[in-house]
Each structure stands twice: as structure tokens, then as C-alpha cells.
C-alpha atoms as a PDB file:
ATOM      1  CA  MET A   1     -40.797  44.401 -36.582  1.00  0.00           C
ATOM      2  CA  HIS A   2     -40.741  42.514 -39.904  1.00  0.00           C
ATOM      3  CA  LEU A   3     -39.034  45.472 -41.589  1.00  0.00           C
ATOM      4  CA  TYR A   4     -36.439  45.586 -38.813  1.00  0.00           C
ATOM      5  CA  ILE A   5     -35.678  41.868 -39.166  1.00  0.00           C
ATOM      6  CA  GLY A   6     -35.467  42.251 -42.938  1.00  0.00           C
ATOM      7  CA  LYS A   7     -32.906  45.055 -42.586  1.00  0.00           C
ATOM      8  CA  ARG A   8     -30.806  42.952 -40.218  1.00  0.00           C
ATOM      9  CA  LEU A   9     -30.874  40.057 -42.665  1.00  0.00           C
ATOM     10  CA  LEU A  10     -29.764  42.324 -45.502  1.00  0.00           C
ATOM     11  CA  VAL A  11     -26.781  43.410 -43.394  1.00  0.00           C
ATOM     12  CA  ALA A  12     -25.953  39.725 -42.816  1.00  0.00           C
ATOM     13  CA  ILE A  13     -25.612  38.978 -46.554  1.00  0.00           C
ATOM     14  CA  PRO A  14     -22.366  40.933 -47.187  1.00  0.00           C
ATOM     15  CA  THR A  15     -21.040  39.633 -43.860  1.00  0.00           C
ATOM     16  CA  LEU A  16     -21.532  36.049 -44.991  1.00  0.00           C
ATOM     17  CA  LEU A  17     -19.953  36.858 -48.364  1.00  0.00           C
ATOM     18  CA  ILE A  18     -16.836  38.259 -46.683  1.00  0.00           C
ATOM     19  CA  VAL A  19     -16.668  35.262 -44.339  1.00  0.00           C
ATOM     20  CA  SER A  20     -16.936  32.858 -47.266  1.00  0.00           C
ATOM     21  CA  ILE A  21     -14.049  34.617 -49.052  1.00  0.00           C
ATOM     22  CA  PHE A  22     -11.872  34.459 -45.945  1.00  0.00           C
ATOM     23  CA  VAL A  23     -12.746  30.808 -45.324  1.00  0.00           C
ATOM     24  CA  PHE A  24     -11.978  29.810 -48.892  1.00  0.00           C
ATOM     25  CA  SER A  25      -8.752  31.823 -48.982  1.00  0.00           C
ATOM     26  CA  LEU A  26      -7.350  30.820 -45.598  1.00  0.00           C
ATOM     27  CA  GLN A  27      -7.916  27.100 -46.072  1.00  0.00           C
ATOM     28  CA  LYS A  28      -5.557  27.297 -49.061  1.00  0.00           C
ATOM     29  CA  LEU A  29      -2.816  28.114 -46.554  1.00  0.00           C
ATOM     30  CA  LEU A  30      -3.213  24.755 -44.807  1.00  0.00           C
ATOM     31  CA  PRO A  31      -0.012  22.712 -45.137  1.00  0.00           C
ATOM     32  CA  GLY A  32       0.006  19.584 -47.266  1.00  0.00           C
ATOM     33  CA  ASP A  33      -1.811  18.500 -50.388  1.00  0.00           C
ATOM     34  CA  PRO A  34      -5.123  16.654 -49.995  1.00  0.00           C
ATOM     35  CA  VAL A  35      -4.770  15.060 -53.420  1.00  0.00           C
ATOM     36  CA  LEU A  36      -1.522  13.341 -52.400  1.00  0.00           C
ATOM     37  CA  ALA A  37      -3.268  11.967 -49.314  1.00  0.00           C
ATOM     38  CA  MET A  38      -6.150  10.675 -51.429  1.00  0.00           C
ATOM     39  CA  ALA A  39      -3.905   9.130 -54.069  1.00  0.00           C
ATOM     40  CA  GLY A  40      -2.549   6.524 -51.657  1.00  0.00           C
ATOM     41  CA  GLU A  41       0.999   5.353 -51.088  1.00  0.00           C
ATOM     42  CA  GLU A  42       1.854   4.685 -54.753  1.00  0.00           C
ATOM     43  CA  ARG A  43       0.700   8.147 -55.864  1.00  0.00           C
ATOM     44  CA  ASP A  44       0.226   7.328 -59.518  1.00  0.00           C
ATOM     45  CA  PRO A  45       0.663  10.578 -61.525  1.00  0.00           C
ATOM     46  CA  GLN A  46      -2.402   9.757 -63.619  1.00  0.00           C
ATOM     47  CA  VAL A  47      -4.513   9.299 -60.482  1.00  0.00           C
ATOM     48  CA  ILE A  48      -3.217  12.557 -59.036  1.00  0.00           C
ATOM     49  CA  GLU A  49      -4.016  14.427 -62.238  1.00  0.00           C
ATOM     50  CA  PHE A  50      -7.484  12.837 -62.397  1.00  0.00           C
ATOM     51  CA  LEU A  51      -8.236  13.937 -58.829  1.00  0.00           C
ATOM     52  CA  ARG A  52      -7.022  17.470 -59.502  1.00  0.00           C
ATOM     53  CA  GLU A  53      -9.295  17.720 -62.517  1.00  0.00           C
ATOM     54  CA  LYS A  54     -12.219  16.157 -60.668  1.00  0.00           C
ATOM     55  CA  TYR A  55     -12.056  18.650 -57.816  1.00  0.00           C
ATOM     56  CA  ARG A  56     -11.077  21.565 -60.120  1.00  0.00           C
ATOM     57  CA  LEU A  57      -7.811  22.096 -58.220  1.00  0.00           C
ATOM     58  CA  ASN A  58      -5.981  22.989 -61.446  1.00  0.00           C
ATOM     59  CA  ASP A  59      -8.253  25.987 -62.032  1.00  0.00           C
ATOM     60  CA  PRO A  60      -7.322  29.484 -60.784  1.00  0.00           C
ATOM     61  CA  VAL A  61      -8.335  30.179 -57.185  1.00  0.00           C
ATOM     62  CA  VAL A  62     -10.928  32.755 -58.256  1.00  0.00           C
ATOM     63  CA  TYR A  63     -12.681  30.179 -60.454  1.00  0.00           C
ATOM     64  CA  GLN A  64     -12.505  27.598 -57.671  1.00  0.00           C
ATOM     65  CA  TYR A  65     -14.224  30.051 -55.311  1.00  0.00           C
ATOM     66  CA  GLY A  66     -16.862  30.840 -57.934  1.00  0.00           C
ATOM     67  CA  TYR A  67     -17.671  27.153 -58.446  1.00  0.00           C
ATOM     68  CA  TRP A  68     -17.810  26.575 -54.698  1.00  0.00           C
ATOM     69  CA  ILE A  69     -20.023  29.544 -53.764  1.00  0.00           C
ATOM     70  CA  ALA A  70     -22.384  28.819 -56.657  1.00  0.00           C
ATOM     71  CA  ASN A  71     -22.840  25.257 -55.406  1.00  0.00           C
ATOM     72  CA  VAL A  72     -23.255  26.448 -51.803  1.00  0.00           C
ATOM     73  CA  LEU A  73     -26.087  28.759 -52.853  1.00  0.00           C
ATOM     74  CA  GLN A  74     -27.782  25.667 -54.305  1.00  0.00           C
ATOM     75  CA  GLY A  75     -27.301  23.731 -51.058  1.00  0.00           C
ATOM     76  CA  ASP A  76     -24.320  21.717 -52.299  1.00  0.00           C
ATOM     77  CA  PHE A  77     -21.315  22.036 -49.956  1.00  0.00           C
ATOM     78  CA  GLY A  78     -19.288  19.503 -51.906  1.00  0.00           C
ATOM     79  CA  MET A  79     -17.972  16.063 -51.014  1.00  0.00           C
ATOM     80  CA  SER A  80     -15.565  15.111 -48.259  1.00  0.00           C
ATOM     81  CA  LEU A  81     -12.183  14.324 -49.803  1.00  0.00           C
ATOM     82  CA  ARG A  82     -11.576  11.617 -47.207  1.00  0.00           C
ATOM     83  CA  THR A  83     -14.888   9.799 -46.853  1.00  0.00           C
ATOM     84  CA  ASN A  84     -16.485  10.761 -50.207  1.00  0.00           C
ATOM     85  CA  GLN A  85     -19.588  11.691 -48.199  1.00  0.00           C
ATOM     86  CA  PRO A  86     -21.590  14.875 -48.858  1.00  0.00           C
ATOM     87  CA  VAL A  87     -20.448  17.645 -46.527  1.00  0.00           C
ATOM     88  CA  LEU A  88     -24.043  18.691 -45.880  1.00  0.00           C
ATOM     89  CA  GLU A  89     -24.784  15.144 -44.725  1.00  0.00           C
ATOM     90  CA  LEU A  90     -21.807  15.236 -42.330  1.00  0.00           C
ATOM     91  CA  ILE A  91     -22.961  18.572 -40.941  1.00  0.00           C
ATOM     92  CA  GLY A  92     -26.473  17.191 -40.530  1.00  0.00           C
ATOM     93  CA  GLU A  93     -25.075  14.341 -38.439  1.00  0.00           C
ATOM     94  CA  LYS A  94     -22.912  16.518 -36.176  1.00  0.00           C
ATOM     95  CA  LEU A  95     -25.063  19.642 -35.819  1.00  0.00           C
ATOM     96  CA  PRO A  96     -27.749  18.104 -33.522  1.00  0.00           C
ATOM     97  CA  VAL A  97     -24.983  16.885 -31.194  1.00  0.00           C
ATOM     98  CA  THR A  98     -23.413  20.341 -30.958  1.00  0.00           C
ATOM     99  CA  ILE A  99     -26.793  22.060 -30.523  1.00  0.00           C
ATOM    100  CA  GLN A 100     -27.694  19.721 -27.657  1.00  0.00           C
ATOM    101  CA  LEU A 101     -24.335  20.334 -25.989  1.00  0.00           C
ATOM    102  CA  ALA A 102     -24.681  24.104 -26.461  1.00  0.00           C
ATOM    103  CA  VAL A 103     -28.236  24.242 -25.085  1.00  0.00           C
ATOM    104  CA  MET A 104     -27.413  22.162 -22.006  1.00  0.00           C
ATOM    105  CA  SER A 105     -24.254  24.206 -21.406  1.00  0.00           C
ATOM    106  CA  MET A 106     -26.218  27.460 -21.554  1.00  0.00           C
ATOM    107  CA  ILE A 107     -28.773  26.050 -19.085  1.00  0.00           C
ATOM    108  CA  PHE A 108     -25.963  25.357 -16.606  1.00  0.00           C
ATOM    109  CA  ALA A 109     -24.500  28.807 -17.281  1.00  0.00           C
ATOM    110  CA  PHE A 110     -27.805  30.580 -16.603  1.00  0.00           C
ATOM    111  CA  VAL A 111     -28.705  28.519 -13.542  1.00  0.00           C
ATOM    112  CA  ILE A 112     -25.291  29.177 -11.974  1.00  0.00           C
ATOM    113  CA  GLY A 113     -24.217  32.555 -13.329  1.00  0.00           C
ATOM    114  CA  VAL A 114     -27.326  34.755 -13.343  1.00  0.00           C
ATOM    115  CA  PRO A 115     -28.499  34.129  -9.728  1.00  0.00           C
ATOM    116  CA  MET A 116     -24.915  34.564  -8.504  1.00  0.00           C
ATOM    117  CA  GLY A 117     -24.656  37.858 -10.387  1.00  0.00           C
ATOM    118  CA  ILE A 118     -27.911  39.118  -8.899  1.00  0.00           C
ATOM    119  CA  LEU A 119     -26.840  38.143  -5.367  1.00  0.00           C
ATOM    120  CA  ALA A 120     -23.419  39.718  -5.831  1.00  0.00           C
ATOM    121  CA  ALA A 121     -25.007  43.001  -6.943  1.00  0.00           C
ATOM    122  CA  VAL A 122     -27.634  43.082  -4.198  1.00  0.00           C
ATOM    123  CA  LYS A 123     -25.049  42.149  -1.533  1.00  0.00           C
ATOM    124  CA  LYS A 124     -22.311  44.398  -2.894  1.00  0.00           C
ATOM    125  CA  ASN A 125     -19.110  44.521  -0.806  1.00  0.00           C
ATOM    126  CA  THR A 126     -20.329  41.773   1.511  1.00  0.00           C
ATOM    127  CA  VAL A 127     -19.108  38.221   2.080  1.00  0.00           C
ATOM    128  CA  THR A 128     -21.646  36.985  -0.491  1.00  0.00           C
ATOM    129  CA  ASP A 129     -20.224  39.343  -3.108  1.00  0.00           C
ATOM    130  CA  TYR A 130     -16.653  38.259  -2.395  1.00  0.00           C
ATOM    131  CA  ILE A 131     -17.555  34.560  -2.542  1.00  0.00           C
ATOM    132  CA  ALA A 132     -19.398  35.036  -5.849  1.00  0.00           C
ATOM    133  CA  ASN A 133     -16.383  36.827  -7.310  1.00  0.00           C
ATOM    134  CA  ILE A 134     -14.017  34.093  -6.103  1.00  0.00           C
ATOM    135  CA  VAL A 135     -16.244  31.424  -7.670  1.00  0.00           C
ATOM    136  CA  ALA A 136     -16.390  33.407 -10.937  1.00  0.00           C
ATOM    137  CA  LEU A 137     -12.623  33.850 -10.992  1.00  0.00           C
ATOM    138  CA  SER A 138     -12.206  30.115 -10.357  1.00  0.00           C
ATOM    139  CA  GLY A 139     -14.552  29.277 -13.228  1.00  0.00           C
ATOM    140  CA  LEU A 140     -12.530  31.473 -15.591  1.00  0.00           C
ATOM    141  CA  SER A 141      -9.173  30.176 -14.355  1.00  0.00           C
ATOM    142  CA  ILE A 142      -9.728  26.418 -14.258  1.00  0.00           C
ATOM    143  CA  PRO A 143      -8.964  24.863 -17.679  1.00  0.00           C
ATOM    144  CA  ASN A 144     -11.873  22.948 -19.159  1.00  0.00           C
ATOM    145  CA  PHE A 145      -9.748  19.899 -19.960  1.00  0.00           C
ATOM    146  CA  TRP A 146      -8.542  19.629 -16.329  1.00  0.00           C
ATOM    147  CA  LEU A 147     -12.037  20.022 -14.895  1.00  0.00           C
ATOM    148  CA  GLY A 148     -13.354  17.435 -17.358  1.00  0.00           C
ATOM    149  CA  ILE A 149     -10.703  14.882 -16.395  1.00  0.00           C
ATOM    150  CA  MET A 150     -11.328  15.465 -12.671  1.00  0.00           C
ATOM    151  CA  LEU A 151     -15.067  15.001 -13.130  1.00  0.00           C
ATOM    152  CA  ILE A 152     -14.499  11.739 -15.008  1.00  0.00           C
ATOM    153  CA  LEU A 153     -12.265  10.439 -12.205  1.00  0.00           C
ATOM    154  CA  LEU A 154     -14.664  11.468  -9.444  1.00  0.00           C
ATOM    155  CA  VAL A 155     -18.172  11.100 -10.893  1.00  0.00           C
ATOM    156  CA  SER A 156     -17.610   8.219 -13.312  1.00  0.00           C
ATOM    157  CA  VAL A 157     -14.646   6.178 -12.032  1.00  0.00           C
ATOM    158  CA  ARG A 158     -15.089   6.473  -8.265  1.00  0.00           C
ATOM    159  CA  LEU A 159     -18.799   7.114  -7.825  1.00  0.00           C
ATOM    160  CA  GLY A 160     -20.093   5.492 -11.000  1.00  0.00           C
ATOM    161  CA  TRP A 161     -22.941   7.963 -11.344  1.00  0.00           C
ATOM    162  CA  LEU A 162     -22.522   8.951 -14.990  1.00  0.00           C
ATOM    163  CA  PRO A 163     -20.845   7.460 -18.086  1.00  0.00           C
ATOM    164  CA  ALA A 164     -17.266   8.676 -18.561  1.00  0.00           C
ATOM    165  CA  SER A 165     -17.544   9.253 -22.307  1.00  0.00           C
ATOM    166  CA  GLY A 166     -19.518   8.463 -25.423  1.00  0.00           C
ATOM    167  CA  TYR A 167     -22.703   9.820 -26.869  1.00  0.00           C
ATOM    168  CA  GLU A 168     -26.209   8.573 -27.534  1.00  0.00           C
ATOM    169  CA  SER A 169     -28.682  10.453 -29.725  1.00  0.00           C
ATOM    170  CA  ILE A 170     -31.511  12.094 -27.819  1.00  0.00           C
ATOM    171  CA  PHE A 171     -33.895  10.716 -30.440  1.00  0.00           C
ATOM    172  CA  VAL A 172     -32.759   7.147 -29.727  1.00  0.00           C
ATOM    173  CA  ASP A 173     -32.417   7.132 -25.926  1.00  0.00           C
ATOM    174  CA  PRO A 174     -33.221  10.505 -24.289  1.00  0.00           C
ATOM    175  CA  VAL A 175     -32.223   9.437 -20.765  1.00  0.00           C
ATOM    176  CA  ARG A 176     -28.887   7.981 -21.834  1.00  0.00           C
ATOM    177  CA  SER A 177     -28.258  11.015 -24.048  1.00  0.00           C
ATOM    178  CA  ILE A 178     -28.754  13.459 -21.176  1.00  0.00           C
ATOM    179  CA  GLU A 179     -26.578  11.326 -18.900  1.00  0.00           C
ATOM    180  CA  THR A 180     -23.685  11.410 -21.358  1.00  0.00           C
ATOM    181  CA  MET A 181     -24.063  15.165 -21.829  1.00  0.00           C
ATOM    182  CA  ILE A 182     -24.321  16.296 -18.184  1.00  0.00           C
ATOM    183  CA  MET A 183     -20.587  16.399 -17.407  1.00  0.00           C
ATOM    184  CA  PRO A 184     -19.378  18.032 -20.654  1.00  0.00           C
ATOM    185  CA  SER A 185     -22.243  20.533 -20.423  1.00  0.00           C
ATOM    186  CA  PHE A 186     -21.301  21.384 -16.847  1.00  0.00           C
ATOM    187  CA  VAL A 187     -17.641  21.814 -17.834  1.00  0.00           C
ATOM    188  CA  LEU A 188     -18.549  24.308 -20.564  1.00  0.00           C
ATOM    189  CA  GLY A 189     -21.376  25.916 -18.605  1.00  0.00           C
ATOM    190  CA  ASN A 190     -19.145  26.484 -15.582  1.00  0.00           C
ATOM    191  CA  ALA A 191     -16.796  28.706 -17.564  1.00  0.00           C
ATOM    192  CA  LEU A 192     -19.671  30.562 -19.223  1.00  0.00           C
ATOM    193  CA  ALA A 193     -21.393  31.010 -15.845  1.00  0.00           C
ATOM    194  CA  ALA A 194     -18.391  32.934 -14.564  1.00  0.00           C
ATOM    195  CA  THR A 195     -18.617  35.358 -17.493  1.00  0.00           C
ATOM    196  CA  LEU A 196     -22.397  35.698 -17.112  1.00  0.00           C
ATOM    197  CA  MET A 197     -22.035  36.303 -13.380  1.00  0.00           C
ATOM    198  CA  ARG A 198     -19.624  39.201 -13.887  1.00  0.00           C
ATOM    199  CA  HIS A 199     -21.749  40.833 -16.588  1.00  0.00           C
ATOM    200  CA  THR A 200     -24.975  40.327 -14.632  1.00  0.00           C
ATOM    201  CA  ARG A 201     -23.429  41.927 -11.555  1.00  0.00           C
ATOM    202  CA  SER A 202     -22.153  44.928 -13.542  1.00  0.00           C
ATOM    203  CA  ALA A 203     -25.465  45.406 -15.345  1.00  0.00           C
ATOM    204  CA  MET A 204     -27.449  45.139 -12.107  1.00  0.00           C
ATOM    205  CA  LEU A 205     -25.235  47.667 -10.311  1.00  0.00           C
ATOM    206  CA  GLY A 206     -25.613  50.095 -13.206  1.00  0.00           C
ATOM    207  CA  VAL A 207     -29.412  49.864 -13.154  1.00  0.00           C
ATOM    208  CA  MET A 208     -29.669  50.005  -9.347  1.00  0.00           C
ATOM    209  CA  ARG A 209     -28.209  53.530  -9.403  1.00  0.00           C
ATOM    210  CA  ALA A 210     -30.961  54.774 -11.721  1.00  0.00           C
ATOM    211  CA  ASP A 211     -33.550  57.297 -10.512  1.00  0.00           C
ATOM    212  CA  TYR A 212     -36.538  55.085 -11.297  1.00  0.00           C
ATOM    213  CA  ILE A 213     -35.200  52.388  -8.958  1.00  0.00           C
ATOM    214  CA  ARG A 214     -35.075  54.901  -6.101  1.00  0.00           C
ATOM    215  CA  THR A 215     -38.584  55.989  -7.061  1.00  0.00           C
ATOM    216  CA  ALA A 216     -39.815  52.381  -6.957  1.00  0.00           C
ATOM    217  CA  ARG A 217     -38.390  51.953  -3.460  1.00  0.00           C
ATOM    218  CA  ALA A 218     -39.916  55.295  -2.382  1.00  0.00           C
ATOM    219  CA  LYS A 219     -43.342  54.040  -3.480  1.00  0.00           C
ATOM    220  CA  GLY A 220     -43.049  51.253  -0.930  1.00  0.00           C
ATOM    221  CA  LEU A 221     -42.524  48.328  -3.316  1.00  0.00           C
ATOM    222  CA  SER A 222     -40.948  45.275  -1.757  1.00  0.00           C
ATOM    223  CA  GLU A 223     -37.231  44.741  -2.354  1.00  0.00           C
ATOM    224  CA  ARG A 224     -37.970  41.508  -4.215  1.00  0.00           C
ATOM    225  CA  VAL A 225     -40.259  43.296  -6.680  1.00  0.00           C
ATOM    226  CA  VAL A 226     -37.745  46.119  -7.146  1.00  0.00           C
ATOM    227  CA  ILE A 227     -34.875  43.696  -7.831  1.00  0.00           C
ATOM    228  CA  LEU A 228     -36.639  41.164 -10.066  1.00  0.00           C
ATOM    229  CA  SER A 229     -39.300  43.232 -11.843  1.00  0.00           C
ATOM    230  CA  HIS A 230     -37.501  46.533 -12.244  1.00  0.00           C
ATOM    231  CA  THR A 231     -33.754  46.122 -11.873  1.00  0.00           C
ATOM    232  CA  PHE A 232     -33.174  42.699 -13.418  1.00  0.00           C
ATOM    233  CA  ARG A 233     -35.559  43.297 -16.318  1.00  0.00           C
ATOM    234  CA  ASN A 234     -33.717  46.462 -17.328  1.00  0.00           C
ATOM    235  CA  ALA A 235     -30.341  44.794 -16.830  1.00  0.00           C
ATOM    236  CA  LEU A 236     -31.241  42.007 -19.256  1.00  0.00           C
ATOM    237  CA  LEU A 237     -30.143  43.819 -22.424  1.00  0.00           C
ATOM    238  CA  PRO A 238     -26.361  43.329 -22.097  1.00  0.00           C
ATOM    239  CA  ILE A 239     -26.933  39.827 -20.700  1.00  0.00           C
ATOM    240  CA  VAL A 240     -28.993  38.893 -23.768  1.00  0.00           C
ATOM    241  CA  THR A 241     -26.250  40.125 -26.103  1.00  0.00           C
ATOM    242  CA  LEU A 242     -23.557  38.231 -24.226  1.00  0.00           C
ATOM    243  CA  SER A 243     -25.666  35.058 -24.116  1.00  0.00           C
ATOM    244  CA  ALA A 244     -26.194  35.135 -27.879  1.00  0.00           C
ATOM    245  CA  LEU A 245     -22.454  35.466 -28.487  1.00  0.00           C
ATOM    246  CA  LEU A 246     -21.646  32.687 -26.015  1.00  0.00           C
ATOM    247  CA  PHE A 247     -24.183  30.371 -27.636  1.00  0.00           C
ATOM    248  CA  GLY A 248     -22.709  31.122 -31.046  1.00  0.00           C
ATOM    249  CA  GLU A 249     -19.273  30.306 -29.655  1.00  0.00           C
ATOM    250  CA  LEU A 250     -20.572  26.956 -28.409  1.00  0.00           C
ATOM    251  CA  LEU A 251     -21.997  26.201 -31.850  1.00  0.00           C
ATOM    252  CA  ALA A 252     -18.483  26.569 -33.230  1.00  0.00           C
ATOM    253  CA  GLY A 253     -17.579  23.476 -31.251  1.00  0.00           C
ATOM    254  CA  ALA A 254     -15.761  22.962 -27.964  1.00  0.00           C
ATOM    255  CA  VAL A 255     -12.773  21.054 -29.297  1.00  0.00           C
ATOM    256  CA  LEU A 256     -11.039  19.990 -26.076  1.00  0.00           C
ATOM    257  CA  THR A 257     -14.248  19.117 -24.235  1.00  0.00           C
ATOM    258  CA  GLU A 258     -15.546  17.058 -27.140  1.00  0.00           C
ATOM    259  CA  GLN A 259     -12.219  15.231 -27.383  1.00  0.00           C
ATOM    260  CA  ILE A 260     -12.115  14.427 -23.660  1.00  0.00           C
ATOM    261  CA  PHE A 261     -15.673  13.108 -23.516  1.00  0.00           C
ATOM    262  CA  THR A 262     -15.599  11.551 -27.022  1.00  0.00           C
ATOM    263  CA  ILE A 263     -18.512  13.608 -28.304  1.00  0.00           C
ATOM    264  CA  PRO A 264     -18.898  13.545 -32.115  1.00  0.00           C
ATOM    265  CA  GLY A 265     -19.718  17.216 -32.548  1.00  0.00           C
ATOM    266  CA  PHE A 266     -18.540  20.137 -34.683  1.00  0.00           C
ATOM    267  CA  GLY A 267     -15.285  20.519 -32.766  1.00  0.00           C
ATOM    268  CA  LYS A 268     -14.072  17.003 -33.470  1.00  0.00           C
ATOM    269  CA  LEU A 269     -15.300  17.210 -37.059  1.00  0.00           C
ATOM    270  CA  ILE A 270     -13.347  20.342 -37.918  1.00  0.00           C
ATOM    271  CA  VAL A 271     -10.177  19.160 -36.145  1.00  0.00           C
ATOM    272  CA  ASP A 272     -10.231  15.906 -38.104  1.00  0.00           C
ATOM    273  CA  ALA A 273     -10.916  17.819 -41.317  1.00  0.00           C
ATOM    274  CA  VAL A 274      -7.957  20.164 -40.763  1.00  0.00           C
ATOM    275  CA  PHE A 275      -5.572  17.294 -40.030  1.00  0.00           C
ATOM    276  CA  ASN A 276      -6.797  15.395 -43.100  1.00  0.00           C
ATOM    277  CA  ARG A 277      -6.660  18.494 -45.357  1.00  0.00           C
ATOM    278  CA  ASP A 278     -10.341  17.951 -46.081  1.00  0.00           C
ATOM    279  CA  TYR A 279     -11.003  21.401 -47.512  1.00  0.00           C
ATOM    280  CA  ALA A 280     -14.670  20.925 -48.318  1.00  0.00           C
ATOM    281  CA  VAL A 281     -15.526  19.912 -44.742  1.00  0.00           C
ATOM    282  CA  VAL A 282     -13.533  22.810 -43.247  1.00  0.00           C
ATOM    283  CA  GLN A 283     -15.298  25.281 -45.520  1.00  0.00           C
ATOM    284  CA  GLY A 284     -18.739  23.855 -44.808  1.00  0.00           C
ATOM    285  CA  VAL A 285     -18.344  23.729 -41.030  1.00  0.00           C
ATOM    286  CA  VAL A 286     -16.864  27.232 -40.724  1.00  0.00           C
ATOM    287  CA  LEU A 287     -19.538  28.695 -42.990  1.00  0.00           C
ATOM    288  CA  CYS A 288     -22.298  27.027 -40.960  1.00  0.00           C
ATOM    289  CA  THR A 289     -20.693  28.347 -37.783  1.00  0.00           C
ATOM    290  CA  ALA A 290     -20.694  31.865 -39.220  1.00  0.00           C
ATOM    291  CA  VAL A 291     -24.386  31.495 -40.076  1.00  0.00           C
ATOM    292  CA  GLY A 292     -24.995  30.366 -36.491  1.00  0.00           C
ATOM    293  CA  PHE A 293     -23.271  33.462 -35.109  1.00  0.00           C
ATOM    294  CA  ILE A 294     -25.285  35.749 -37.378  1.00  0.00           C
ATOM    295  CA  LEU A 295     -28.555  34.057 -36.416  1.00  0.00           C
ATOM    296  CA  MET A 296     -27.709  34.384 -32.711  1.00  0.00           C
ATOM    297  CA  ASN A 297     -27.005  38.086 -33.190  1.00  0.00           C
ATOM    298  CA  LEU A 298     -30.321  38.440 -35.008  1.00  0.00           C
ATOM    299  CA  VAL A 299     -32.092  36.727 -32.104  1.00  0.00           C
ATOM    300  CA  ALA A 300     -30.343  39.115 -29.689  1.00  0.00           C
ATOM    301  CA  ASP A 301     -31.460  42.122 -31.755  1.00  0.00           C
ATOM    302  CA  VAL A 302     -35.072  40.908 -31.770  1.00  0.00           C
ATOM    303  CA  LEU A 303     -34.992  40.304 -28.000  1.00  0.00           C
ATOM    304  CA  TYR A 304     -33.562  43.796 -27.571  1.00  0.00           C
ATOM    305  CA  VAL A 305     -36.632  45.233 -29.258  1.00  0.00           C
ATOM    306  CA  LEU A 306     -39.016  43.051 -27.262  1.00  0.00           C
ATOM    307  CA  LEU A 307     -37.379  43.940 -23.934  1.00  0.00           C
ATOM    308  CA  ASN A 308     -36.884  47.648 -24.600  1.00  0.00           C
ATOM    309  CA  PRO A 309     -40.112  49.660 -25.205  1.00  0.00           C
ATOM    310  CA  ARG A 310     -38.121  52.690 -26.411  1.00  0.00           C
ATOM    311  CA  MET A 311     -36.625  50.688 -29.265  1.00  0.00           C
ATOM    312  CA  ARG A 312     -40.092  49.411 -30.225  1.00  0.00           C
ATOM    313  CA  ALA A 313     -41.323  52.998 -30.353  1.00  0.00           C
ATOM    314  CA  ASN A 314     -38.517  53.975 -32.741  1.00  0.00           C
ATOM    315  CA  LEU A 315     -39.248  51.225 -35.280  1.00  0.00           C
END
């Protein structure tokens, strides 16, 4: 198992290198000049030249990338051009918020999507199956920003059950933190639940046609044992892969949802950084997001091995 994980990590190294090159290259295409924004309204030529020298913006792009990646490998992501705050410090402030939102969203997605997918597969071509498919299609079709606004109007404004916006750290006030995160997590989880439902249904139907499922029923096992212990367990592999990718997507930041509910996560951070031409922050956030995706894929690969005895035998 350790050798397998080591091989996967070695594959991740060139992937991260390619991502870093793309991130550094593409951010150069952003319109505007951050130095002009930093220099103020007067834009003194001496100040502009000083800033260009300070941030090595006069050097060739290849040298700029070399300086940046060398610092990143030492844990230095640079300084924000707007706030003069270390990028790593900014990421450290926003990352726990995004992780909490992602975890709670995935909980909603699993609680809603997986049971619906199982029911839809077991009750194929029945009213239950049709209802589950309609609900899934609705979850995919309803825009997150519209659902978020409607929830604020109903749950917060009219009923007064939950706060409409804002965020409180879970380490400061856990109850208040969960209250502020319930609605945005449901908004994101609802869309993910629809995707999970469809994949769970397809995976379950594929496994239910297998010979060993018919053999389990022929042995007299109860339908509940056949569905949960045999069918669902073997249908977990594609669901695990999809869940890892969805969680990685959430770590990238849900821009619209964070804006609507005023959540200071990765989404808001990167949007502000792009508008302010804050290159260092954009590079740091995107690189951290790429690392998150790679880690989620590694987790999925490890779970694959744990869930599939044949893969363990081949290691």
C-alpha cells in the first residue's frame, strides 16, 4: 500500500509542475497593470519603477517563474500586492472556511443523493424512480444563486430561523458557525446530490445485473442484505471517484454562493484578487486548489484499493 501511494505521489509531481506553469503564464494575460494600481493616483514614475524592481516585474518571464517556484518550494507564496500581507497567511485564513463549507455540502449531498439513487435503482421504472429523477433534474436545473436568494427570503426573512448571511468561525462559536453555513451548504449540496443520485442509480443498476447478485438472492438472503451488503458495496467505486472530484471542486470555491451569503472563502478571495490584479494571490489560491484536487484523487485511489479486494491482490 505504501509503495502504491508513493507511486501516485510521484505522478502528482509533474502534474503540479505543469499546473504551476499554466497558472503563472495565464495570469500574465489578465488585463491591467497591478503596479499602476499600487502606485496610486499620482503614479510617480520613480515609484512605479521601484515597485517593478521590488517585485521583479522587469525581469524576463522565465526568470520571474523561476524566482516564484523556488520561493513556493520553500513555503513562500509571496506578498499580496494590495494588502501587503503574506499570501500563505491569506490562504490560511480562508481555507478553513472553504473546507467547512465543502464538508457540510458533501454531507447534504450524500444524505440526499445516495439514498435517492438506491431507491431509484431498486424501484426502477416505478413512481419512486420517476420522482427521484424529477428531483435530480430539478437540482441540476435550478441555479444556485436563485435557490440561495429564495432560501434567504423564506428561511431568514419570513421565518427567521437562520441568519441570512455572514460567517462565524467554528472555533469561536460552533453553533453560530453551523447556523450560518446550513443554507449555503444546502444550496451547494442540493446540486451535488442530483449528480450523486444519477451516478448511484447507474452504478446500482449495473451491479444488480451481475451473476453474484442473482446467486445471493438464490441463497435466500434478504433483499435488504443483498442491496446494502452486496450491491451497494460493489457500486461504491464510481461513487467514491465522483465524490472526490466534487469535493475538490468545492475546495476551488463556490463563487456565487459565497457572494450571496457573504462567506469569506476561497471563491471570494480569488474573485477579489483577479479584479485587483493581485497576481501573487491568484497564483497561490489556484496552486492550492490544484493540490487539493490531487489529494482528493489520491484519497479516491486509496479507497479504491480498500474497497476492491482484487486491486489489493494486484499490489
